[in-house]
Amino acid sequence: MAFGSFEQGDEIEANAEINMVPFIDIMLVLLIIFMITAPLMTHAVKVDLPQASAKPLAAASKPVDIAVLADGRLLVNGVDVAVSALPIYLKQFKPESEVHLRADRKTDYEVVAQVLSAAVEAGLAKVGFVTDLPPSS
């Protein structure tokens, strides 16, 4: 910060520095105002909403449950199906059907990839992986 001297000389230098103290004071005041008003803005507004009698949409078709066991066997909706016959077996289902895939932890990834490939080949594009929820502690 440059300070002027008491000497009166022929040359007067201009002070080109910005005084930041008033800006800091304003920012602190605004901070305090926002800290006080912020908790007041979190109250809920009571709204009397209308009641609807709509029912949930029914599923277009029953999902196709595919279980891949640890030994590599496949169960499609509880029926034992060979991996080689899976694409042909899955073609009986509608293309908009969902596939719920359950795979054992010890299943080879190759078998899961073959099941996914067979589902796509049969025209079933909606595939979801089903897992167990972790135990709550």
Protein backbone atom coordinates (compact mmCIF):
# COMPACT_ATOMS: atom_id res chain seq x y z
CA MET A 1 0.00 0.00 0.00
CA ALA A 2 1.46 3.36 -0.94
CA PHE A 3 1.31 6.26 1.49
CA GLY A 4 1.84 9.88 0.61
CA SER A 5 4.39 12.01 2.35
CA PHE A 6 3.98 15.44 3.96
CA GLU A 7 6.48 17.02 1.67
CA GLN A 8 5.00 19.23 -1.00
CA GLY A 9 6.96 18.58 -4.10
CA ASP A 10 6.47 19.46 -7.67
CA GLU A 11 5.47 15.92 -8.59
CA ILE A 12 2.27 14.46 -7.22
CA GLU A 13 1.94 10.72 -7.74
CA ALA A 14 -1.49 9.19 -8.16
CA ASN A 15 -2.46 6.37 -5.83
CA ALA A 16 -3.84 3.60 -8.07
CA GLU A 17 -4.55 0.97 -5.40
CA ILE A 18 -8.07 -0.13 -4.55
CA ASN A 19 -9.04 0.03 -0.89
CA MET A 20 -10.40 -3.46 -0.12
CA VAL A 21 -11.59 -2.79 3.44
CA PRO A 22 -15.09 -1.51 2.47
CA PHE A 23 -15.61 -4.51 0.17
CA ILE A 24 -14.64 -6.92 2.94
CA ASP A 25 -17.01 -5.17 5.35
CA ILE A 26 -19.89 -5.48 2.90
CA MET A 27 -19.13 -9.17 2.28
CA LEU A 28 -19.10 -9.90 6.04
CA VAL A 29 -22.44 -8.12 6.51
CA LEU A 30 -23.96 -10.08 3.62
CA LEU A 31 -22.57 -13.32 5.04
CA ILE A 32 -24.20 -12.64 8.40
CA ILE A 33 -27.51 -11.73 6.74
CA PHE A 34 -27.52 -14.95 4.69
CA MET A 35 -26.57 -17.04 7.73
CA ILE A 36 -29.56 -15.64 9.61
CA THR A 37 -32.08 -15.90 6.77
CA ALA A 38 -31.05 -19.31 5.35
CA PRO A 39 -32.66 -21.41 8.13
CA LEU A 40 -35.90 -19.49 7.69
CA MET A 41 -36.13 -20.50 4.02
CA THR A 42 -36.27 -24.26 4.73
CA HIS A 43 -39.83 -24.39 6.05
CA ALA A 44 -42.33 -26.49 4.13
CA VAL A 45 -45.30 -24.99 2.38
CA LYS A 46 -48.65 -26.59 3.22
CA VAL A 47 -50.43 -27.44 -0.02
CA ASP A 48 -53.75 -29.24 -0.26
CA LEU A 49 -53.05 -31.61 -3.17
CA PRO A 50 -55.84 -33.35 -5.05
CA GLN A 51 -56.30 -37.09 -4.66
CA ALA A 52 -56.01 -39.34 -7.72
CA SER A 53 -57.53 -42.75 -8.15
CA ALA A 54 -55.06 -43.97 -10.76
CA LYS A 55 -53.75 -47.48 -10.48
CA PRO A 56 -50.19 -48.52 -11.35
CA LEU A 57 -49.69 -49.64 -14.92
CA ALA A 58 -49.77 -53.36 -15.40
CA ALA A 59 -46.65 -54.93 -16.81
CA ALA A 60 -46.87 -55.58 -20.56
CA SER A 61 -45.84 -59.18 -20.03
CA LYS A 62 -44.41 -61.40 -17.34
CA PRO A 63 -40.63 -61.01 -17.03
CA VAL A 64 -38.37 -63.84 -18.13
CA ASP A 65 -36.39 -65.11 -15.14
CA ILE A 66 -33.05 -66.65 -16.07
CA ALA A 67 -30.98 -68.19 -13.31
CA VAL A 68 -27.37 -69.17 -13.97
CA LEU A 69 -26.24 -71.69 -11.36
CA ALA A 70 -22.67 -72.16 -10.15
CA ASP A 71 -22.26 -75.39 -12.13
CA GLY A 72 -23.23 -73.62 -15.39
CA ARG A 73 -26.81 -74.88 -15.66
CA LEU A 74 -29.54 -72.47 -16.79
CA LEU A 75 -33.06 -72.23 -15.46
CA VAL A 76 -35.50 -70.16 -17.54
CA ASN A 77 -38.67 -69.55 -15.52
CA GLY A 78 -37.83 -72.73 -13.57
CA VAL A 79 -37.24 -74.90 -16.67
CA ASP A 80 -33.78 -76.38 -17.19
CA VAL A 81 -32.44 -75.24 -20.60
CA ALA A 82 -29.10 -75.95 -22.24
CA VAL A 83 -26.89 -72.99 -23.17
CA SER A 84 -26.87 -74.05 -26.84
CA ALA A 85 -30.69 -74.17 -26.99
CA LEU A 86 -31.22 -70.88 -25.14
CA PRO A 87 -31.58 -68.54 -28.19
CA ILE A 88 -34.27 -70.79 -29.69
CA TYR A 89 -36.05 -71.15 -26.33
CA LEU A 90 -36.07 -67.37 -25.73
CA LYS A 91 -37.70 -66.62 -29.09
CA GLN A 92 -41.05 -67.78 -27.70
CA PHE A 93 -41.22 -64.67 -25.50
CA LYS A 94 -42.42 -61.25 -26.68
CA PRO A 95 -39.67 -58.77 -27.66
CA GLU A 96 -40.88 -56.22 -25.08
CA SER A 97 -40.47 -58.73 -22.24
CA GLU A 98 -37.93 -57.95 -19.57
CA VAL A 99 -35.19 -60.43 -18.72
CA HIS A 100 -34.26 -60.78 -15.05
CA LEU A 101 -30.83 -62.42 -14.88
CA ARG A 102 -29.72 -64.04 -11.64
CA ALA A 103 -26.18 -65.36 -11.65
CA ASP A 104 -24.40 -67.21 -8.86
CA ARG A 105 -21.21 -65.62 -7.52
CA LYS A 106 -19.11 -68.54 -8.67
CA THR A 107 -20.51 -68.55 -12.21
CA ASP A 108 -18.03 -68.09 -15.03
CA TYR A 109 -18.41 -64.78 -16.83
CA GLU A 110 -18.40 -66.66 -20.12
CA VAL A 111 -21.74 -68.29 -19.30
CA VAL A 112 -23.27 -64.91 -18.35
CA ALA A 113 -21.97 -63.42 -21.62
CA GLN A 114 -23.51 -66.30 -23.57
CA VAL A 115 -26.87 -65.71 -21.85
CA LEU A 116 -26.75 -62.00 -22.69
CA SER A 117 -25.85 -62.79 -26.29
CA ALA A 118 -28.70 -65.29 -26.56
CA ALA A 119 -31.17 -62.76 -25.16
CA VAL A 120 -30.11 -60.14 -27.71
CA GLU A 121 -30.23 -62.72 -30.50
CA ALA A 122 -33.80 -63.61 -29.46
CA GLY A 123 -34.81 -59.92 -29.57
CA LEU A 124 -35.02 -59.37 -25.81
CA ALA A 125 -33.26 -56.07 -25.24
CA LYS A 126 -34.42 -55.21 -21.70
CA VAL A 127 -32.03 -57.10 -19.43
CA GLY A 128 -31.74 -56.48 -15.70
CA PHE A 129 -29.32 -58.06 -13.25
CA VAL A 130 -30.93 -59.24 -10.00
CA THR A 131 -28.78 -59.11 -6.87
CA ASP A 132 -29.31 -59.69 -3.18
CA LEU A 133 -29.51 -56.77 -0.81
CA PRO A 134 -26.60 -56.51 1.62
CA PRO A 135 -27.50 -57.53 5.16
CA SER A 136 -28.49 -54.51 7.23
CA SER A 137 -26.49 -54.02 10.39
